[in-house]
Amino acid sequence: MSGNEGTWPPYPGEYVLGNESSHVAVLIIGRGAVDVPSELFYIKGIMKTENVGLEKVILNVVSDPRIRFLVVCGKEEFGHFPADAILSLMKNGIDNDKRIVGAKSAIPFLCSIPKEVVERFRAQVEVVDLVHPKDVNEIVAMDPIYQFEEARRSELIERLGSMRSIETEDMPGGPVIVDVRGLKQASDVIGKRMHKTADVIIEGFLRMPSEALNTRADFAIVDEHFGIGIDPVSGEIFHTPSIELAVRMKKYFTGC
């Protein structure tokens, strides 16, 4: 099942729903796939990026106070380092600039959600770390899709089985619902728009004269609600899930 089916979770993504009485969410890092009995989890999904992908995970989890455990599994991915991002978030939180403290990924900013929602997420779930391996040096293939090795699948099933006997209560305070329009799109749409935003930034300064590379001008915001902006260097209009994240991307790519 993906994204918009049913009333929960509120933000679309690549996931399957399991046992509604379970307090466990399973989060697969990157493009992994593993078949486990559906009665062992409430929701099982994947996370590919350290920013908008992680934001969707946070928003979906805090919207249901029944989720008290987050089993993070799979293999770390080079570049985005999503496993490192979520584990660093749980350990260190975010700073006043909305950057995940200690994360080694390129753009580990949670720009779309309030800090208090991030803190609610950190308080609500206990993370079970089953990420193997964590050390990656390079991309082996473009968009690699991998199946869990049998030993890793067995480890996951065994851990999920042992968690069924853990008694827990719903998170106090009830569900937290935050409306972030830019993240209501399907994951593939968000991915394409973020790639397009990166292209606007990179192509802009590649075709400009050298003096244009030093511009510190921020994007001109046409409509923040709908995520429409203009690059002041190239004059190109773009559509992005998060204007603030686009600004972070520009600073990363240009070094400004």
C-alpha atoms as a PDB file:
ATOM      1  CA  MET A   1       0.000   0.000   0.000  1.00  0.00           C
ATOM      2  CA  SER A   2       1.265   3.500  -0.642  1.00  0.00           C
ATOM      3  CA  GLY A   3       0.500   6.868   0.628  1.00  0.00           C
ATOM      4  CA  ASN A   4      -2.990   8.223   0.226  1.00  0.00           C
ATOM      5  CA  GLU A   5      -5.024   5.112   0.984  1.00  0.00           C
ATOM      6  CA  GLY A   6      -7.117   5.258   4.141  1.00  0.00           C
ATOM      7  CA  THR A   7      -7.113   7.963   6.790  1.00  0.00           C
ATOM      8  CA  TRP A   8      -3.820   7.058   8.434  1.00  0.00           C
ATOM      9  CA  PRO A   9      -1.026   7.829   8.127  1.00  0.00           C
ATOM     10  CA  PRO A  10      -1.700  11.414   7.017  1.00  0.00           C
ATOM     11  CA  TYR A  11       1.449  11.751   4.900  1.00  0.00           C
ATOM     12  CA  PRO A  12       1.945   9.511   1.854  1.00  0.00           C
ATOM     13  CA  GLY A  13       4.932   7.266   1.432  1.00  0.00           C
ATOM     14  CA  GLU A  14       6.049   3.718   0.705  1.00  0.00           C
ATOM     15  CA  TYR A  15       4.619   1.588   3.497  1.00  0.00           C
ATOM     16  CA  VAL A  16       2.375  -1.309   4.436  1.00  0.00           C
ATOM     17  CA  LEU A  17       0.026  -1.435   7.411  1.00  0.00           C
ATOM     18  CA  GLY A  18      -0.093  -4.396   9.757  1.00  0.00           C
ATOM     19  CA  ASN A  19      -1.552  -5.014  13.192  1.00  0.00           C
ATOM     20  CA  GLU A  20      -3.412  -2.003  14.634  1.00  0.00           C
ATOM     21  CA  SER A  21      -2.907  -3.276  18.171  1.00  0.00           C
ATOM     22  CA  SER A  22       0.887  -3.193  17.764  1.00  0.00           C
ATOM     23  CA  HIS A  23       2.930  -0.324  19.216  1.00  0.00           C
ATOM     24  CA  VAL A  24       5.803  -0.948  16.789  1.00  0.00           C
ATOM     25  CA  ALA A  25       6.773   0.839  13.574  1.00  0.00           C
ATOM     26  CA  VAL A  26       9.436  -0.671  11.334  1.00  0.00           C
ATOM     27  CA  LEU A  27      11.561   1.765   9.346  1.00  0.00           C
ATOM     28  CA  ILE A  28      13.722   0.358   6.564  1.00  0.00           C
ATOM     29  CA  ILE A  29      16.627   2.531   5.529  1.00  0.00           C
ATOM     30  CA  GLY A  30      16.999   3.288   1.838  1.00  0.00           C
ATOM     31  CA  ARG A  31      15.594   0.946  -0.766  1.00  0.00           C
ATOM     32  CA  GLY A  32      15.451  -2.249   1.239  1.00  0.00           C
ATOM     33  CA  ALA A  33      12.743  -4.885   1.140  1.00  0.00           C
ATOM     34  CA  VAL A  34      11.931  -7.530   3.724  1.00  0.00           C
ATOM     35  CA  ASP A  35       8.897  -9.717   4.320  1.00  0.00           C
ATOM     36  CA  VAL A  36       7.912 -10.143   7.957  1.00  0.00           C
ATOM     37  CA  PRO A  37       4.590 -11.292   9.482  1.00  0.00           C
ATOM     38  CA  SER A  38       2.165  -8.375   9.521  1.00  0.00           C
ATOM     39  CA  GLU A  39       0.983  -9.130  13.054  1.00  0.00           C
ATOM     40  CA  LEU A  40       4.420  -8.063  14.342  1.00  0.00           C
ATOM     41  CA  PHE A  41       4.152  -4.394  13.371  1.00  0.00           C
ATOM     42  CA  TYR A  42       1.702  -1.532  13.064  1.00  0.00           C
ATOM     43  CA  ILE A  43       3.362   0.036  10.024  1.00  0.00           C
ATOM     44  CA  LYS A  44       6.416  -0.871   7.950  1.00  0.00           C
ATOM     45  CA  GLY A  45       7.925   1.655   5.567  1.00  0.00           C
ATOM     46  CA  ILE A  46      11.110   3.014   4.068  1.00  0.00           C
ATOM     47  CA  MET A  47      13.067   6.250   4.481  1.00  0.00           C
ATOM     48  CA  LYS A  48      15.478   7.459   1.805  1.00  0.00           C
ATOM     49  CA  THR A  49      16.420  11.012   2.777  1.00  0.00           C
ATOM     50  CA  GLU A  50      17.671  12.844   5.845  1.00  0.00           C
ATOM     51  CA  ASN A  51      15.307  15.817   5.439  1.00  0.00           C
ATOM     52  CA  VAL A  52      11.852  15.539   3.844  1.00  0.00           C
ATOM     53  CA  GLY A  53      11.827  11.753   4.183  1.00  0.00           C
ATOM     54  CA  LEU A  54      12.573  11.949   7.891  1.00  0.00           C
ATOM     55  CA  GLU A  55      10.042  14.743   8.316  1.00  0.00           C
ATOM     56  CA  LYS A  56       7.311  12.483   6.929  1.00  0.00           C
ATOM     57  CA  VAL A  57       8.298   9.735   9.364  1.00  0.00           C
ATOM     58  CA  ILE A  58       8.114  12.164  12.284  1.00  0.00           C
ATOM     59  CA  LEU A  59       4.748  13.610  11.259  1.00  0.00           C
ATOM     60  CA  ASN A  60       3.170  10.192  10.741  1.00  0.00           C
ATOM     61  CA  VAL A  61       4.463   8.814  14.040  1.00  0.00           C
ATOM     62  CA  VAL A  62       3.331  11.729  16.224  1.00  0.00           C
ATOM     63  CA  SER A  63      -0.106  11.580  14.596  1.00  0.00           C
ATOM     64  CA  ASP A  64      -0.714   8.242  16.350  1.00  0.00           C
ATOM     65  CA  PRO A  65       0.230   7.999  20.045  1.00  0.00           C
ATOM     66  CA  ARG A  66       0.042   4.189  19.924  1.00  0.00           C
ATOM     67  CA  ILE A  67       3.450   4.010  18.254  1.00  0.00           C
ATOM     68  CA  ARG A  68       6.045   3.742  21.026  1.00  0.00           C
ATOM     69  CA  PHE A  69       8.826   1.769  19.331  1.00  0.00           C
ATOM     70  CA  LEU A  70      10.659   2.465  16.086  1.00  0.00           C
ATOM     71  CA  VAL A  71      12.733  -0.424  14.747  1.00  0.00           C
ATOM     72  CA  VAL A  72      15.275   1.044  12.316  1.00  0.00           C
ATOM     73  CA  CYS A  73      16.800  -1.584  10.029  1.00  0.00           C
ATOM     74  CA  GLY A  74      18.459  -2.152   6.686  1.00  0.00           C
ATOM     75  CA  LYS A  75      21.719  -0.808   5.262  1.00  0.00           C
ATOM     76  CA  GLU A  76      23.099   2.708   5.502  1.00  0.00           C
ATOM     77  CA  GLU A  77      23.175   4.637   2.222  1.00  0.00           C
ATOM     78  CA  PHE A  78      25.961   6.872   0.977  1.00  0.00           C
ATOM     79  CA  GLY A  79      25.269  10.593   0.519  1.00  0.00           C
ATOM     80  CA  HIS A  80      22.012  11.059   2.402  1.00  0.00           C
ATOM     81  CA  PHE A  81      23.104   8.781   5.287  1.00  0.00           C
ATOM     82  CA  PRO A  82      19.477   8.428   6.464  1.00  0.00           C
ATOM     83  CA  ALA A  83      20.287   5.933   9.225  1.00  0.00           C
ATOM     84  CA  ASP A  84      22.901   8.223  10.734  1.00  0.00           C
ATOM     85  CA  ALA A  85      20.435  11.124  10.495  1.00  0.00           C
ATOM     86  CA  ILE A  86      17.652   9.468  12.470  1.00  0.00           C
ATOM     87  CA  LEU A  87      19.995   7.915  15.034  1.00  0.00           C
ATOM     88  CA  SER A  88      21.730  11.283  15.516  1.00  0.00           C
ATOM     89  CA  LEU A  89      18.345  12.966  15.844  1.00  0.00           C
ATOM     90  CA  MET A  90      17.266  10.594  18.592  1.00  0.00           C
ATOM     91  CA  LYS A  91      20.564  11.046  20.414  1.00  0.00           C
ATOM     92  CA  ASN A  92      21.177  14.773  19.949  1.00  0.00           C
ATOM     93  CA  GLY A  93      18.032  16.508  18.655  1.00  0.00           C
ATOM     94  CA  ILE A  94      18.176  19.592  16.416  1.00  0.00           C
ATOM     95  CA  ASP A  95      19.805  22.962  16.939  1.00  0.00           C
ATOM     96  CA  ASN A  96      18.224  26.410  16.572  1.00  0.00           C
ATOM     97  CA  ASP A  97      18.962  26.277  12.853  1.00  0.00           C
ATOM     98  CA  LYS A  98      16.870  23.074  12.583  1.00  0.00           C
ATOM     99  CA  ARG A  99      19.950  21.032  11.730  1.00  0.00           C
ATOM    100  CA  ILE A 100      20.235  17.521  13.186  1.00  0.00           C
ATOM    101  CA  VAL A 101      23.104  17.778  15.642  1.00  0.00           C
ATOM    102  CA  GLY A 102      25.999  15.491  14.746  1.00  0.00           C
ATOM    103  CA  ALA A 103      24.527  14.195  11.470  1.00  0.00           C
ATOM    104  CA  LYS A 104      27.072  13.631   8.703  1.00  0.00           C
ATOM    105  CA  SER A 105      24.697  13.849   5.751  1.00  0.00           C
ATOM    106  CA  ALA A 106      24.779  16.794   3.364  1.00  0.00           C
ATOM    107  CA  ILE A 107      21.572  18.646   4.220  1.00  0.00           C
ATOM    108  CA  PRO A 108      20.210  17.245   7.534  1.00  0.00           C
ATOM    109  CA  PHE A 109      17.661  19.995   8.150  1.00  0.00           C
ATOM    110  CA  LEU A 110      14.096  19.493   9.376  1.00  0.00           C
ATOM    111  CA  CYS A 111      12.753  22.747   7.996  1.00  0.00           C
ATOM    112  CA  SER A 112       9.049  21.977   7.686  1.00  0.00           C
ATOM    113  CA  ILE A 113       8.080  21.065  11.244  1.00  0.00           C
ATOM    114  CA  PRO A 114       8.262  22.909  14.577  1.00  0.00           C
ATOM    115  CA  LYS A 115      10.979  21.949  17.029  1.00  0.00           C
ATOM    116  CA  GLU A 116       8.383  20.961  19.643  1.00  0.00           C
ATOM    117  CA  VAL A 117       7.021  18.325  17.221  1.00  0.00           C
ATOM    118  CA  VAL A 118      10.535  16.949  16.778  1.00  0.00           C
ATOM    119  CA  GLU A 119      10.875  16.756  20.560  1.00  0.00           C
ATOM    120  CA  ARG A 120       7.506  15.013  20.841  1.00  0.00           C
ATOM    121  CA  PHE A 121       8.744  12.399  18.365  1.00  0.00           C
ATOM    122  CA  ARG A 122      11.950  11.875  20.350  1.00  0.00           C
ATOM    123  CA  ALA A 123       9.954  11.469  23.557  1.00  0.00           C
ATOM    124  CA  GLN A 124       7.301   9.218  22.025  1.00  0.00           C
ATOM    125  CA  VAL A 125       9.391   6.454  20.493  1.00  0.00           C
ATOM    126  CA  GLU A 126      12.217   4.255  21.657  1.00  0.00           C
ATOM    127  CA  VAL A 127      14.520   3.385  18.784  1.00  0.00           C
ATOM    128  CA  VAL A 128      15.733  -0.172  18.253  1.00  0.00           C
ATOM    129  CA  ASP A 129      18.838   0.009  16.052  1.00  0.00           C
ATOM    130  CA  LEU A 130      19.198  -2.935  13.658  1.00  0.00           C
ATOM    131  CA  VAL A 131      21.053  -1.089  10.886  1.00  0.00           C
ATOM    132  CA  HIS A 132      23.803  -3.252   9.322  1.00  0.00           C
ATOM    133  CA  PRO A 133      26.214  -2.124   7.993  1.00  0.00           C
ATOM    134  CA  LYS A 134      26.494   1.500   9.082  1.00  0.00           C
ATOM    135  CA  ASP A 135      29.776   2.254   7.299  1.00  0.00           C
ATOM    136  CA  VAL A 136      29.478   2.998   3.571  1.00  0.00           C
ATOM    137  CA  ASN A 137      32.052   4.659   1.373  1.00  0.00           C
ATOM    138  CA  GLU A 138      30.509   4.917  -2.070  1.00  0.00           C
ATOM    139  CA  ILE A 139      27.396   4.260  -4.099  1.00  0.00           C
ATOM    140  CA  VAL A 140      27.542   0.765  -5.529  1.00  0.00           C
ATOM    141  CA  ALA A 141      24.727   1.297  -8.044  1.00  0.00           C
ATOM    142  CA  MET A 142      22.188   3.913  -8.952  1.00  0.00           C
ATOM    143  CA  ASP A 143      19.039   3.532  -6.857  1.00  0.00           C
ATOM    144  CA  PRO A 144      20.041   0.113  -5.480  1.00  0.00           C
ATOM    145  CA  ILE A 145      17.141  -2.057  -4.316  1.00  0.00           C
ATOM    146  CA  TYR A 146      18.189  -4.801  -1.965  1.00  0.00           C
ATOM    147  CA  GLN A 147      16.521  -7.729  -0.248  1.00  0.00           C
ATOM    148  CA  PHE A 148      17.427  -8.419   3.363  1.00  0.00           C
ATOM    149  CA  GLU A 149      19.837 -11.264   3.852  1.00  0.00           C
ATOM    150  CA  GLU A 150      18.161 -14.196   5.611  1.00  0.00           C
ATOM    151  CA  ALA A 151      20.203 -13.636   8.775  1.00  0.00           C
ATOM    152  CA  ARG A 152      19.054  -9.999   8.924  1.00  0.00           C
ATOM    153  CA  ARG A 153      15.448 -10.967   8.248  1.00  0.00           C
ATOM    154  CA  SER A 154      15.569 -13.563  11.021  1.00  0.00           C
ATOM    155  CA  GLU A 155      17.120 -11.033  13.387  1.00  0.00           C
ATOM    156  CA  LEU A 156      14.337  -8.555  12.643  1.00  0.00           C
ATOM    157  CA  ILE A 157      11.564 -11.132  13.086  1.00  0.00           C
ATOM    158  CA  GLU A 158      13.090 -12.368  16.332  1.00  0.00           C
ATOM    159  CA  ARG A 159      13.351  -8.845  17.746  1.00  0.00           C
ATOM    160  CA  LEU A 160       9.803  -7.959  16.696  1.00  0.00           C
ATOM    161  CA  GLY A 161       8.536 -11.170  18.238  1.00  0.00           C
ATOM    162  CA  SER A 162      10.235 -10.425  21.537  1.00  0.00           C
ATOM    163  CA  MET A 163       8.694  -6.960  21.590  1.00  0.00           C
ATOM    164  CA  ARG A 164       5.131  -8.314  21.515  1.00  0.00           C
ATOM    165  CA  SER A 165       5.320  -9.073  25.224  1.00  0.00           C
ATOM    166  CA  ILE A 166       6.375  -5.534  26.172  1.00  0.00           C
ATOM    167  CA  GLU A 167       3.522  -3.721  27.864  1.00  0.00           C
ATOM    168  CA  THR A 168       3.266  -0.052  27.022  1.00  0.00           C
ATOM    169  CA  GLU A 169       0.741   2.758  27.069  1.00  0.00           C
ATOM    170  CA  ASP A 170      -0.151   5.278  24.424  1.00  0.00           C
ATOM    171  CA  MET A 171       1.888   8.466  24.429  1.00  0.00           C
ATOM    172  CA  PRO A 172       0.226  11.026  26.724  1.00  0.00           C
ATOM    173  CA  GLY A 173      -1.178  14.078  25.020  1.00  0.00           C
ATOM    174  CA  GLY A 174      -2.973  12.324  22.205  1.00  0.00           C
ATOM    175  CA  PRO A 175      -2.210  12.662  18.493  1.00  0.00           C
ATOM    176  CA  VAL A 176      -0.247  15.629  17.165  1.00  0.00           C
ATOM    177  CA  ILE A 177      -1.473  16.722  13.756  1.00  0.00           C
ATOM    178  CA  VAL A 178       0.595  19.210  11.766  1.00  0.00           C
ATOM    179  CA  ASP A 179      -0.446  20.378   8.303  1.00  0.00           C
ATOM    180  CA  VAL A 180       2.564  20.698   6.001  1.00  0.00           C
ATOM    181  CA  ARG A 181       1.204  21.108   2.494  1.00  0.00           C
ATOM    182  CA  GLY A 182       4.492  20.460   0.709  1.00  0.00           C
ATOM    183  CA  LEU A 183       4.825  16.997   2.265  1.00  0.00           C
ATOM    184  CA  LYS A 184       1.312  15.859   1.337  1.00  0.00           C
ATOM    185  CA  GLN A 185       2.595  14.911  -2.114  1.00  0.00           C
ATOM    186  CA  ALA A 186       3.663  11.413  -3.081  1.00  0.00           C
ATOM    187  CA  SER A 187       7.298  10.599  -2.390  1.00  0.00           C
ATOM    188  CA  ASP A 188       8.222  10.293  -6.074  1.00  0.00           C
ATOM    189  CA  VAL A 189       6.753  13.733  -6.770  1.00  0.00           C
ATOM    190  CA  ILE A 190       8.684  15.263  -3.876  1.00  0.00           C
ATOM    191  CA  GLY A 191      11.865  13.555  -5.053  1.00  0.00           C
ATOM    192  CA  LYS A 192      11.483  14.896  -8.588  1.00  0.00           C
ATOM    193  CA  ARG A 193      10.815  18.422  -7.337  1.00  0.00           C
ATOM    194  CA  MET A 194      13.801  18.390  -5.004  1.00  0.00           C
ATOM    195  CA  HIS A 195      16.003  17.139  -7.863  1.00  0.00           C
ATOM    196  CA  LYS A 196      14.597  19.901 -10.083  1.00  0.00           C
ATOM    197  CA  THR A 197      15.386  22.471  -7.404  1.00  0.00           C
ATOM    198  CA  ALA A 198      18.966  21.176  -7.219  1.00  0.00           C
ATOM    199  CA  ASP A 199      19.206  21.381 -11.013  1.00  0.00           C
ATOM    200  CA  VAL A 200      18.042  25.000 -10.956  1.00  0.00           C
ATOM    201  CA  ILE A 201      20.735  25.867  -8.428  1.00  0.00           C
ATOM    202  CA  ILE A 202      23.565  23.985 -10.124  1.00  0.00           C
ATOM    203  CA  GLU A 203      22.708  24.863 -13.729  1.00  0.00           C
ATOM    204  CA  GLY A 204      22.263  28.492 -12.732  1.00  0.00           C
ATOM    205  CA  PHE A 205      25.746  29.028 -11.426  1.00  0.00           C
ATOM    206  CA  LEU A 206      27.370  26.805 -14.067  1.00  0.00           C
ATOM    207  CA  ARG A 207      26.117  28.957 -16.930  1.00  0.00           C
ATOM    208  CA  MET A 208      26.597  32.303 -15.220  1.00  0.00           C
ATOM    209  CA  PRO A 209      29.813  34.369 -15.457  1.00  0.00           C
ATOM    210  CA  SER A 210      32.238  33.847 -12.591  1.00  0.00           C
ATOM    211  CA  GLU A 211      31.125  36.946 -10.709  1.00  0.00           C
ATOM    212  CA  ALA A 212      27.610  35.530 -10.459  1.00  0.00           C
ATOM    213  CA  LEU A 213      28.902  32.578  -8.475  1.00  0.00           C
ATOM    214  CA  ASN A 214      29.521  34.869  -5.529  1.00  0.00           C
ATOM    215  CA  THR A 215      25.953  36.050  -5.218  1.00  0.00           C
ATOM    216  CA  ARG A 216      24.508  35.662  -1.749  1.00  0.00           C
ATOM    217  CA  ALA A 217      20.983  36.545  -2.818  1.00  0.00           C
ATOM    218  CA  ASP A 218      18.349  34.195  -1.453  1.00  0.00           C
ATOM    219  CA  PHE A 219      15.568  32.776  -3.536  1.00  0.00           C
ATOM    220  CA  ALA A 220      12.716  35.141  -4.226  1.00  0.00           C
ATOM    221  CA  ILE A 221       9.574  33.602  -2.737  1.00  0.00           C
ATOM    222  CA  VAL A 222       6.542  33.773  -5.005  1.00  0.00           C
ATOM    223  CA  ASP A 223       4.232  31.669  -2.833  1.00  0.00           C
ATOM    224  CA  GLU A 224       5.636  30.033   0.297  1.00  0.00           C
ATOM    225  CA  HIS A 225       2.428  28.077   0.948  1.00  0.00           C
ATOM    226  CA  PHE A 226       2.645  26.363  -2.445  1.00  0.00           C
ATOM    227  CA  GLY A 227       6.460  26.263  -2.453  1.00  0.00           C
ATOM    228  CA  ILE A 228       7.037  28.445  -5.523  1.00  0.00           C
ATOM    229  CA  GLY A 229      10.231  30.464  -5.804  1.00  0.00           C
ATOM    230  CA  ILE A 230      12.553  32.186  -8.267  1.00  0.00           C
ATOM    231  CA  ASP A 231      16.308  31.756  -8.444  1.00  0.00           C
ATOM    232  CA  PRO A 232      17.742  35.328  -8.546  1.00  0.00           C
ATOM    233  CA  VAL A 233      20.805  34.195 -10.514  1.00  0.00           C
ATOM    234  CA  SER A 234      19.097  32.426 -13.396  1.00  0.00           C
ATOM    235  CA  GLY A 235      15.625  33.912 -13.067  1.00  0.00           C
ATOM    236  CA  GLU A 236      14.136  30.414 -13.261  1.00  0.00           C
ATOM    237  CA  ILE A 237      10.908  29.628 -11.428  1.00  0.00           C
ATOM    238  CA  PHE A 238      10.801  26.369  -9.468  1.00  0.00           C
ATOM    239  CA  HIS A 239       8.322  24.414  -7.339  1.00  0.00           C
ATOM    240  CA  THR A 240       9.652  22.746  -4.187  1.00  0.00           C
ATOM    241  CA  PRO A 241       8.122  21.011  -1.139  1.00  0.00           C
ATOM    242  CA  SER A 242      10.031  23.397   1.151  1.00  0.00           C
ATOM    243  CA  ILE A 243      11.374  26.838   0.286  1.00  0.00           C
ATOM    244  CA  GLU A 244      13.478  26.843   3.445  1.00  0.00           C
ATOM    245  CA  LEU A 245      15.085  23.526   2.518  1.00  0.00           C
ATOM    246  CA  ALA A 246      15.741  24.880  -0.988  1.00  0.00           C
ATOM    247  CA  VAL A 247      17.624  27.775   0.605  1.00  0.00           C
ATOM    248  CA  ARG A 248      19.701  25.298   2.608  1.00  0.00           C
ATOM    249  CA  MET A 249      20.433  23.383  -0.586  1.00  0.00           C
ATOM    250  CA  LYS A 250      21.595  26.531  -2.350  1.00  0.00           C
ATOM    251  CA  LYS A 251      23.959  27.384   0.483  1.00  0.00           C
ATOM    252  CA  TYR A 252      25.320  23.847   0.395  1.00  0.00           C
ATOM    253  CA  PHE A 253      25.916  23.788  -3.358  1.00  0.00           C
ATOM    254  CA  THR A 254      27.315  27.326  -3.667  1.00  0.00           C
ATOM    255  CA  GLY A 255      29.178  27.466  -0.367  1.00  0.00           C
ATOM    256  CA  CYS A 256      27.526  30.796   0.431  1.00  0.00           C
END
